[in-house]
C-alpha atoms as a PDB file:
ATOM      1  CA  MET A   1       0.094  -0.215   0.296  1.00  0.00           C
ATOM      2  CA  PRO A   2       1.416   3.404  -0.791  1.00  0.00           C
ATOM      3  CA  PHE A   3       2.516   5.721   1.803  1.00  0.00           C
ATOM      4  CA  ARG A   4      -0.013   8.415   3.172  1.00  0.00           C
ATOM      5  CA  SER A   5       1.939  11.535   2.209  1.00  0.00           C
ATOM      6  CA  ARG A   6      -0.325  13.265   4.649  1.00  0.00           C
ATOM      7  CA  SER A   7       0.407  11.518   7.634  1.00  0.00           C
ATOM      8  CA  LEU A   8       4.009  11.423   7.278  1.00  0.00           C
ATOM      9  CA  HIS A   9       6.396  14.094   9.602  1.00  0.00           C
ATOM     10  CA  LEU A  10      10.174  14.581  10.232  1.00  0.00           C
ATOM     11  CA  GLY A  11      11.641  13.848  13.341  1.00  0.00           C
ATOM     12  CA  TYR A  12       9.718  12.706  16.752  1.00  0.00           C
ATOM     13  CA  THR A  13       6.260  13.925  17.871  1.00  0.00           C
ATOM     14  CA  PRO A  14       6.024  14.354  21.982  1.00  0.00           C
ATOM     15  CA  ALA A  15       3.510  11.549  21.724  1.00  0.00           C
ATOM     16  CA  GLU A  16       6.873   9.080  20.331  1.00  0.00           C
ATOM     17  CA  LEU A  17       9.469  10.704  22.127  1.00  0.00           C
ATOM     18  CA  ALA A  18       7.620   9.384  25.270  1.00  0.00           C
ATOM     19  CA  ASN A  19       6.266   6.134  24.346  1.00  0.00           C
ATOM     20  CA  SER A  20       9.402   4.665  21.517  1.00  0.00           C
ATOM     21  CA  PRO A  21      11.539   2.349  22.742  1.00  0.00           C
ATOM     22  CA  TYR A  22      13.687   4.012  20.327  1.00  0.00           C
ATOM     23  CA  ALA A  23      13.460   7.177  22.064  1.00  0.00           C
ATOM     24  CA  PRO A  24      16.310   7.217  23.980  1.00  0.00           C
ATOM     25  CA  TYR A  25      18.514   7.157  20.672  1.00  0.00           C
ATOM     26  CA  TYR A  26      17.288   9.717  18.934  1.00  0.00           C
ATOM     27  CA  ARG A  27      19.109  13.122  18.459  1.00  0.00           C
ATOM     28  CA  PRO A  28      17.606  15.418  16.267  1.00  0.00           C
ATOM     29  CA  GLN A  29      21.038  17.300  16.365  1.00  0.00           C
ATOM     30  CA  LEU A  30      23.382  16.736  13.509  1.00  0.00           C
ATOM     31  CA  ALA A  31      27.002  17.322  13.651  1.00  0.00           C
ATOM     32  CA  PRO A  32      29.136  19.719  11.444  1.00  0.00           C
ATOM     33  CA  LEU A  33      29.961  17.770   8.137  1.00  0.00           C
ATOM     34  CA  PRO A  34      33.699  16.700   8.449  1.00  0.00           C
ATOM     35  CA  PRO A  35      36.662  18.746   7.198  1.00  0.00           C
ATOM     36  CA  HIS A  36      36.752  15.936   3.922  1.00  0.00           C
ATOM     37  CA  VAL A  37      33.540  16.390   2.844  1.00  0.00           C
ATOM     38  CA  GLN A  38      33.626  20.085   3.355  1.00  0.00           C
ATOM     39  CA  ALA A  39      36.337  19.945   0.565  1.00  0.00           C
ATOM     40  CA  ALA A  40      35.262  18.178  -1.613  1.00  0.00           C
ATOM     41  CA  LEU A  41      32.098  20.169  -1.610  1.00  0.00           C
ATOM     42  CA  LEU A  42      34.087  23.024  -2.229  1.00  0.00           C
ATOM     43  CA  THR A  43      36.114  21.615  -4.869  1.00  0.00           C
ATOM     44  CA  GLY A  44      32.764  20.819  -7.228  1.00  0.00           C
ATOM     45  CA  PRO A  45      32.811  18.174  -9.754  1.00  0.00           C
ATOM     46  CA  VAL A  46      35.955  16.042 -10.619  1.00  0.00           C
ATOM     47  CA  ALA A  47      37.505  14.712 -13.748  1.00  0.00           C
ATOM     48  CA  PRO A  48      34.844  11.044 -14.104  1.00  0.00           C
ATOM     49  CA  GLU A  49      37.885   9.087 -14.617  1.00  0.00           C
ATOM     50  CA  LEU A  50      38.586   9.480 -11.124  1.00  0.00           C
ATOM     51  CA  LEU A  51      36.002   7.474  -9.797  1.00  0.00           C
ATOM     52  CA  PRO A  52      35.499   4.351 -10.887  1.00  0.00           C
ATOM     53  CA  PRO A  53      32.297   2.845 -12.693  1.00  0.00           C
ATOM     54  CA  LEU A  54      29.899   0.425 -11.582  1.00  0.00           C
ATOM     55  CA  ALA A  55      31.863  -1.904 -13.760  1.00  0.00           C
ATOM     56  CA  ARG A  56      34.756  -1.668 -11.174  1.00  0.00           C
ATOM     57  CA  ALA A  57      32.711  -1.785  -8.095  1.00  0.00           C
ATOM     58  CA  ALA A  58      35.429  -5.104  -7.150  1.00  0.00           C
ATOM     59  CA  ASP A  59      38.145  -2.189  -6.724  1.00  0.00           C
ATOM     60  CA  LEU A  60      36.506  -1.203  -3.463  1.00  0.00           C
ATOM     61  CA  LEU A  61      38.213  -4.777  -2.499  1.00  0.00           C
ATOM     62  CA  GLN A  62      42.404  -3.798  -3.714  1.00  0.00           C
ATOM     63  CA  ASP A  63      44.058  -2.239  -0.394  1.00  0.00           C
ATOM     64  CA  GLY A  64      44.297   1.100  -0.029  1.00  0.00           C
ATOM     65  CA  HIS A  65      42.166   4.439  -1.231  1.00  0.00           C
ATOM     66  CA  GLN A  66      41.215   5.167  -4.216  1.00  0.00           C
ATOM     67  CA  ALA A  67      42.291   8.604  -6.010  1.00  0.00           C
ATOM     68  CA  VAL A  68      39.222   9.998  -4.771  1.00  0.00           C
ATOM     69  CA  GLU A  69      37.100   8.409  -1.980  1.00  0.00           C
ATOM     70  CA  THR A  70      34.633  11.644  -0.775  1.00  0.00           C
ATOM     71  CA  GLY A  71      33.625  13.546  -4.344  1.00  0.00           C
ATOM     72  CA  TYR A  72      31.305  13.399  -7.239  1.00  0.00           C
ATOM     73  CA  ALA A  73      32.098  13.693 -10.784  1.00  0.00           C
ATOM     74  CA  LEU A  74      29.349  14.378 -13.773  1.00  0.00           C
ATOM     75  CA  CYS A  75      29.706  11.898 -16.764  1.00  0.00           C
ATOM     76  CA  PRO A  76      29.121  12.269 -20.562  1.00  0.00           C
ATOM     77  CA  ASP A  77      26.169  10.250 -20.612  1.00  0.00           C
ATOM     78  CA  GLY A  78      24.123  12.061 -18.051  1.00  0.00           C
ATOM     79  CA  SER A  79      25.349  10.247 -15.401  1.00  0.00           C
ATOM     80  CA  GLY A  80      26.666  10.878 -11.866  1.00  0.00           C
ATOM     81  CA  ARG A  81      29.476   9.703  -9.494  1.00  0.00           C
ATOM     82  CA  VAL A  82      29.247  10.204  -6.045  1.00  0.00           C
ATOM     83  CA  HIS A  83      31.861   8.768  -3.278  1.00  0.00           C
ATOM     84  CA  VAL A  84      32.012   9.464   0.617  1.00  0.00           C
ATOM     85  CA  LEU A  85      34.000   8.039   2.959  1.00  0.00           C
ATOM     86  CA  THR A  86      33.194   8.076   7.121  1.00  0.00           C
ATOM     87  CA  GLY A  87      35.083   7.114   9.204  1.00  0.00           C
ATOM     88  CA  MET A  88      33.578   5.110  12.328  1.00  0.00           C
ATOM     89  CA  PRO A  89      35.261   5.013  15.596  1.00  0.00           C
ATOM     90  CA  GLY A  90      33.754   1.910  17.469  1.00  0.00           C
ATOM     91  CA  VAL A  91      31.832   0.858  14.674  1.00  0.00           C
ATOM     92  CA  THR A  92      32.145  -2.950  13.607  1.00  0.00           C
ATOM     93  CA  PRO A  93      30.860  -4.008   9.847  1.00  0.00           C
ATOM     94  CA  ALA A  94      28.951  -6.529  11.669  1.00  0.00           C
ATOM     95  CA  MET A  95      26.964  -4.014  12.850  1.00  0.00           C
ATOM     96  CA  TRP A  96      25.887  -2.016   9.284  1.00  0.00           C
ATOM     97  CA  ALA A  97      25.219  -5.431   8.088  1.00  0.00           C
ATOM     98  CA  TRP A  98      22.539  -5.868  10.832  1.00  0.00           C
ATOM     99  CA  TRP A  99      21.249  -2.206  10.376  1.00  0.00           C
ATOM    100  CA  PHE A 100      20.242  -2.867   6.936  1.00  0.00           C
ATOM    101  CA  GLY A 101      17.991  -5.755   8.151  1.00  0.00           C
ATOM    102  CA  TRP A 102      16.914  -4.146  11.039  1.00  0.00           C
ATOM    103  CA  HIS A 103      15.629  -0.190  10.610  1.00  0.00           C
ATOM    104  CA  GLY A 104      13.615  -1.152   7.905  1.00  0.00           C
ATOM    105  CA  SER A 105      10.808  -2.840   9.787  1.00  0.00           C
ATOM    106  CA  ASP A 106      10.027   0.551  11.816  1.00  0.00           C
ATOM    107  CA  PRO A 107      10.200   4.501  10.732  1.00  0.00           C
ATOM    108  CA  MET A 108      11.066   5.417  14.297  1.00  0.00           C
ATOM    109  CA  ARG A 109      14.195   3.520  13.530  1.00  0.00           C
ATOM    110  CA  TYR A 110      14.404   4.973   9.963  1.00  0.00           C
ATOM    111  CA  LYS A 111      14.310   8.758  11.568  1.00  0.00           C
ATOM    112  CA  LEU A 112      17.084   7.136  14.421  1.00  0.00           C
ATOM    113  CA  TRP A 113      19.904   7.382  11.277  1.00  0.00           C
ATOM    114  CA  HIS A 114      19.070  10.934   9.756  1.00  0.00           C
ATOM    115  CA  PRO A 115      15.880  13.029  11.675  1.00  0.00           C
ATOM    116  CA  ARG A 116      16.231  15.495   9.267  1.00  0.00           C
ATOM    117  CA  ALA A 117      15.391  13.884   6.340  1.00  0.00           C
ATOM    118  CA  HIS A 118      14.010  10.453   6.533  1.00  0.00           C
ATOM    119  CA  LEU A 119       9.908   9.975   6.475  1.00  0.00           C
ATOM    120  CA  HIS A 120       8.934   6.504   6.396  1.00  0.00           C
ATOM    121  CA  VAL A 121      10.468   2.886   6.179  1.00  0.00           C
ATOM    122  CA  GLY A 122       8.449  -0.367   4.874  1.00  0.00           C
ATOM    123  CA  TRP A 123       9.629  -4.096   3.500  1.00  0.00           C
ATOM    124  CA  ALA A 124       7.555  -4.165   0.131  1.00  0.00           C
ATOM    125  CA  ASP A 125       6.793  -7.587   1.870  1.00  0.00           C
ATOM    126  CA  GLY A 126       4.835  -6.257   4.368  1.00  0.00           C
ATOM    127  CA  ARG A 127       7.370  -8.668   7.121  1.00  0.00           C
ATOM    128  CA  SER A 128       8.774  -6.991  10.155  1.00  0.00           C
ATOM    129  CA  ASP A 129      10.047 -10.612  11.308  1.00  0.00           C
ATOM    130  CA  LEU A 130      13.112 -10.852   9.181  1.00  0.00           C
ATOM    131  CA  SER A 131      16.674  -9.866   9.904  1.00  0.00           C
ATOM    132  CA  HIS A 132      18.089  -9.643   6.346  1.00  0.00           C
ATOM    133  CA  HIS A 133      18.216  -7.469   3.781  1.00  0.00           C
ATOM    134  CA  ILE A 134      19.419  -9.256   0.486  1.00  0.00           C
ATOM    135  CA  GLY A 135      16.924 -10.007  -2.013  1.00  0.00           C
ATOM    136  CA  ARG A 136      14.009  -8.048  -0.445  1.00  0.00           C
ATOM    137  CA  VAL A 137      12.471  -4.404  -1.063  1.00  0.00           C
ATOM    138  CA  SER A 138      13.056  -0.993   0.789  1.00  0.00           C
ATOM    139  CA  ARG A 139      10.327   1.492   0.767  1.00  0.00           C
ATOM    140  CA  VAL A 140      11.738   4.539   1.740  1.00  0.00           C
ATOM    141  CA  VAL A 141      10.150   7.877   1.968  1.00  0.00           C
ATOM    142  CA  GLU A 142      13.253  10.653   2.500  1.00  0.00           C
ATOM    143  CA  TYR A 143      14.300  14.067   1.390  1.00  0.00           C
ATOM    144  CA  ILE A 144      17.831  14.228   0.011  1.00  0.00           C
ATOM    145  CA  GLY A 145      18.855  17.973  -0.190  1.00  0.00           C
ATOM    146  CA  ALA A 146      15.094  19.813  -0.713  1.00  0.00           C
ATOM    147  CA  GLN A 147      14.171  17.119  -2.838  1.00  0.00           C
ATOM    148  CA  ARG A 148      11.175  14.761  -1.100  1.00  0.00           C
ATOM    149  CA  LEU A 149      11.532  11.854  -3.040  1.00  0.00           C
ATOM    150  CA  SER A 150       9.903   8.108  -2.825  1.00  0.00           C
ATOM    151  CA  LEU A 151      12.466   5.172  -3.579  1.00  0.00           C
ATOM    152  CA  SER A 152      12.180   1.708  -3.707  1.00  0.00           C
ATOM    153  CA  ILE A 153      15.684   0.286  -2.917  1.00  0.00           C
ATOM    154  CA  ALA A 154      15.917  -3.530  -4.117  1.00  0.00           C
ATOM    155  CA  PHE A 155      19.330  -5.476  -2.046  1.00  0.00           C
ATOM    156  CA  VAL A 156      21.073  -7.371  -4.293  1.00  0.00           C
ATOM    157  CA  ALA A 157      24.083 -10.281  -3.025  1.00  0.00           C
ATOM    158  CA  PRO A 158      27.297  -8.631  -3.283  1.00  0.00           C
ATOM    159  CA  ARG A 159      28.313 -10.998  -6.091  1.00  0.00           C
ATOM    160  CA  ALA A 160      26.019  -9.031  -8.418  1.00  0.00           C
ATOM    161  CA  LEU A 161      28.204  -6.381  -8.562  1.00  0.00           C
ATOM    162  CA  GLY A 162      30.755  -8.312  -9.123  1.00  0.00           C
ATOM    163  CA  LEU A 163      32.523  -8.175  -5.323  1.00  0.00           C
ATOM    164  CA  ASP A 164      34.227 -11.699  -3.898  1.00  0.00           C
ATOM    165  CA  GLU A 165      31.659 -12.533  -1.286  1.00  0.00           C
ATOM    166  CA  ALA A 166      34.028 -14.911   0.211  1.00  0.00           C
ATOM    167  CA  LEU A 167      36.656 -12.764   0.442  1.00  0.00           C
ATOM    168  CA  LEU A 168      34.939 -10.139   1.539  1.00  0.00           C
ATOM    169  CA  GLN A 169      34.060 -12.823   4.678  1.00  0.00           C
ATOM    170  CA  ALA A 170      37.689 -13.770   5.751  1.00  0.00           C
ATOM    171  CA  ARG A 171      38.770  -9.888   5.627  1.00  0.00           C
ATOM    172  CA  GLY A 172      35.794  -9.340   8.605  1.00  0.00           C
ATOM    173  CA  GLU A 173      34.468  -6.731   5.557  1.00  0.00           C
ATOM    174  CA  VAL A 174      30.640  -6.434   4.649  1.00  0.00           C
ATOM    175  CA  ALA A 175      29.140  -4.923   0.910  1.00  0.00           C
ATOM    176  CA  ILE A 176      25.551  -2.899   1.101  1.00  0.00           C
ATOM    177  CA  CYS A 177      24.661  -3.172  -2.563  1.00  0.00           C
ATOM    178  CA  ALA A 178      21.209  -2.203  -4.095  1.00  0.00           C
ATOM    179  CA  ARG A 179      19.213  -1.000  -7.076  1.00  0.00           C
ATOM    180  CA  VAL A 180      17.739   1.704  -6.371  1.00  0.00           C
ATOM    181  CA  GLY A 181      14.894   3.615  -8.438  1.00  0.00           C
ATOM    182  CA  PHE A 182      11.718   5.033  -7.650  1.00  0.00           C
ATOM    183  CA  ASP A 183       8.463   3.923  -5.479  1.00  0.00           C
ATOM    184  CA  HIS A 184       5.232   3.161  -7.554  1.00  0.00           C
ATOM    185  CA  THR A 185       7.022   3.061 -10.756  1.00  0.00           C
ATOM    186  CA  LEU A 186       9.186   0.694 -12.694  1.00  0.00           C
ATOM    187  CA  LEU A 187      11.805   2.871 -13.174  1.00  0.00           C
ATOM    188  CA  ASP A 188      15.406   2.294 -11.968  1.00  0.00           C
ATOM    189  CA  THR A 189      17.976   5.089 -12.087  1.00  0.00           C
ATOM    190  CA  GLY A 190      21.117   3.993 -10.196  1.00  0.00           C
ATOM    191  CA  TRP A 191      22.984   1.475  -7.704  1.00  0.00           C
ATOM    192  CA  VAL A 192      24.139   1.902  -3.730  1.00  0.00           C
ATOM    193  CA  LEU A 193      27.067   0.217  -2.326  1.00  0.00           C
ATOM    194  CA  HIS A 194      28.976   0.798   1.512  1.00  0.00           C
ATOM    195  CA  HIS A 195      31.567  -1.129   1.577  1.00  0.00           C
ATOM    196  CA  LEU A 196      32.653  -1.768   5.228  1.00  0.00           C
ATOM    197  CA  ARG A 197      36.585  -2.682   5.927  1.00  0.00           C
ATOM    198  CA  PRO A 198      38.031  -3.051   9.769  1.00  0.00           C
ATOM    199  CA  THR A 199      40.375  -0.122  10.717  1.00  0.00           C
ATOM    200  CA  ALA A 200      42.796   0.045  13.766  1.00  0.00           C
ATOM    201  CA  ASP A 201      40.197   1.936  15.648  1.00  0.00           C
ATOM    202  CA  GLY A 202      36.642   0.370  14.367  1.00  0.00           C
ATOM    203  CA  CYS A 203      35.844   0.757  10.636  1.00  0.00           C
ATOM    204  CA  GLU A 204      35.574   2.803   7.573  1.00  0.00           C
ATOM    205  CA  MET A 205      32.506   3.205   5.424  1.00  0.00           C
ATOM    206  CA  ARG A 206      33.128   3.847   1.729  1.00  0.00           C
ATOM    207  CA  SER A 207      30.068   4.635  -0.206  1.00  0.00           C
ATOM    208  CA  ARG A 208      29.684   4.532  -4.202  1.00  0.00           C
ATOM    209  CA  PHE A 209      26.435   6.187  -6.310  1.00  0.00           C
ATOM    210  CA  TRP A 210      26.179   5.291  -9.493  1.00  0.00           C
ATOM    211  CA  ALA A 211      23.165   7.181 -10.736  1.00  0.00           C
ATOM    212  CA  GLY A 212      21.158   8.218 -14.213  1.00  0.00           C
ATOM    213  CA  GLY A 213      22.847   7.684 -17.077  1.00  0.00           C
ATOM    214  CA  ARG A 214      23.572   4.769 -18.287  1.00  0.00           C
ATOM    215  CA  HIS A 215      21.892   2.907 -14.936  1.00  0.00           C
ATOM    216  CA  VAL A 216      18.551   3.822 -16.125  1.00  0.00           C
ATOM    217  CA  SER A 217      16.081   1.385 -16.823  1.00  0.00           C
ATOM    218  CA  LEU A 218      12.857  -0.012 -17.053  1.00  0.00           C
ATOM    219  CA  ARG A 219      12.008  -2.437 -14.145  1.00  0.00           C
ATOM    220  CA  GLY A 220      13.171  -6.042 -15.001  1.00  0.00           C
ATOM    221  CA  LEU A 221      14.487  -5.012 -18.166  1.00  0.00           C
ATOM    222  CA  ARG A 222      17.714  -5.216 -19.104  1.00  0.00           C
ATOM    223  CA  VAL A 223      19.963  -1.624 -19.571  1.00  0.00           C
ATOM    224  CA  THR A 224      20.752  -2.415 -23.084  1.00  0.00           C
ATOM    225  CA  ASP A 225      16.850  -2.906 -24.226  1.00  0.00           C
ATOM    226  CA  PRO A 226      15.985  -0.888 -26.862  1.00  0.00           C
ATOM    227  CA  LEU A 227      12.537   0.110 -25.140  1.00  0.00           C
ATOM    228  CA  THR A 228      14.728   0.980 -22.001  1.00  0.00           C
ATOM    229  CA  ARG A 229      17.303   3.306 -23.815  1.00  0.00           C
ATOM    230  CA  ARG A 230      14.214   5.453 -25.131  1.00  0.00           C
ATOM    231  CA  VAL A 231      12.904   5.669 -21.850  1.00  0.00           C
ATOM    232  CA  ALA A 232      16.352   6.614 -20.425  1.00  0.00           C
ATOM    233  CA  ARG A 233      16.681   9.309 -23.026  1.00  0.00           C
ATOM    234  CA  TRP A 234      13.758  10.797 -21.455  1.00  0.00           C
ATOM    235  CA  VAL A 235      15.737  11.035 -18.101  1.00  0.00           C
ATOM    236  CA  GLN A 236      17.288  14.308 -17.624  1.00  0.00           C
ATOM    237  CA  PRO A 237      21.228  13.715 -16.600  1.00  0.00           C
ATOM    238  CA  ILE A 238      22.166  14.175 -13.049  1.00  0.00           C
ATOM    239  CA  GLN A 239      23.086  18.022 -12.383  1.00  0.00           C
ATOM    240  CA  ALA A 240      25.582  19.460  -9.518  1.00  0.00           C
ATOM    241  CA  GLN A 241      23.371  20.033  -7.378  1.00  0.00           C
ATOM    242  CA  GLN A 242      21.948  16.691  -7.387  1.00  0.00           C
ATOM    243  CA  ALA A 243      24.854  15.053  -6.505  1.00  0.00           C
ATOM    244  CA  ALA A 244      26.747  16.942  -4.340  1.00  0.00           C
ATOM    245  CA  ASP A 245      23.084  17.090  -2.359  1.00  0.00           C
ATOM    246  CA  LEU A 246      23.517  13.005  -1.865  1.00  0.00           C
ATOM    247  CA  LEU A 247      27.303  13.324  -0.904  1.00  0.00           C
ATOM    248  CA  VAL A 248      26.260  15.629   1.554  1.00  0.00           C
ATOM    249  CA  HIS A 249      23.131  13.069   2.718  1.00  0.00           C
ATOM    250  CA  CYS A 250      25.421  10.111   3.214  1.00  0.00           C
ATOM    251  CA  ALA A 251      28.057  12.158   4.987  1.00  0.00           C
ATOM    252  CA  GLN A 252      25.148  12.745   7.692  1.00  0.00           C
ATOM    253  CA  GLU A 253      23.145  10.081   8.322  1.00  0.00           C
ATOM    254  CA  MET A 254      26.191   7.447   8.165  1.00  0.00           C
ATOM    255  CA  GLN A 255      28.453   9.842  10.687  1.00  0.00           C
ATOM    256  CA  HIS A 256      25.447  10.701  12.185  1.00  0.00           C
ATOM    257  CA  LEU A 257      24.006   7.005  13.148  1.00  0.00           C
ATOM    258  CA  ALA A 258      27.877   5.870  13.592  1.00  0.00           C
ATOM    259  CA  ALA A 259      27.928   7.922  17.231  1.00  0.00           C
ATOM    260  CA  PHE A 260      25.471   5.577  18.402  1.00  0.00           C
ATOM    261  CA  LEU A 261      25.167   2.527  16.341  1.00  0.00           C
ATOM    262  CA  PRO A 262      27.148   0.343  19.091  1.00  0.00           C
ATOM    263  CA  GLU A 263      24.537   0.835  21.517  1.00  0.00           C
ATOM    264  CA  LEU A 264      21.533   0.074  19.451  1.00  0.00           C
ATOM    265  CA  TYR A 265      23.639  -2.866  18.590  1.00  0.00           C
ATOM    266  CA  ALA A 266      23.977  -3.543  22.117  1.00  0.00           C
ATOM    267  CA  ARG A 267      20.559  -3.222  23.060  1.00  0.00           C
ATOM    268  CA  PHE A 268      18.637  -4.424  20.216  1.00  0.00           C
ATOM    269  CA  GLY A 269      20.799  -6.629  18.099  1.00  0.00           C
ATOM    270  CA  PRO A 270      20.889 -10.008  18.055  1.00  0.00           C
ATOM    271  CA  SER A 271      21.744 -12.432  20.730  1.00  0.00           C
ATOM    272  CA  ASP A 272      25.418 -12.927  20.624  1.00  0.00           C
ATOM    273  CA  ALA A 273      25.821  -9.246  20.344  1.00  0.00           C
ATOM    274  CA  LEU A 274      23.991  -8.670  24.211  1.00  0.00           C
ATOM    275  CA  ALA A 275      25.457 -11.435  25.598  1.00  0.00           C
ATOM    276  CA  SER A 276      28.673  -9.852  24.453  1.00  0.00           C
ATOM    277  CA  ALA A 277      27.662  -6.144  25.773  1.00  0.00           C
END
């Protein structure tokens, strides 16, 4: 069923603050953007060659960092590429694997992630008793910048983007991968990948977005399908402001949640997490 737009609101109401079990973790204020994110915004678009295309998503598994870990590029075909690096002291990749399966069952959980942009969430299958995200579709309503969007996020296994899942597991890394499109339509518009790898003090998230242009397709059809190609030509090219807004949104929500994700995981996570808390 479609979400009722009139009933949606940002943040927690007084009644929700009084009654939600997640209210103790609700933090309405966001920390300032990290310096490296501010620098990327001041720099503006960079050469597309500096941000690898979707076909090279598996390059994330190489050691070290890429040429641009935080920034965005506009490509000749009308697509955009956005990279965001978020350091997360005290956080483990496993916590994020849990979060992506847990938060989609309740808008009150989703709003913890970005209290100034997240409005609603629900699983397309209607189930709240499942703990995984791969193979499921999350339907969200959120602001990216000032634009309110209803999106369909279809989570896929990392191998769908060419990542070696055995290598990820051996290294204690996690990759969250999804096909993104507009909800209530048959139009997919991009891909997202969040790669989490351990660091000396926790972990780091390397987020990647590929949107618009060649990434537009009708749901269920290949991007090379003739009908898809005609539809893609109707979609406006990604603009610099849209890419910058997406960069800011990702940097804000990941930094914000990482600050208290260990507390959430200890309180609501799997039983083995509770036992070790």
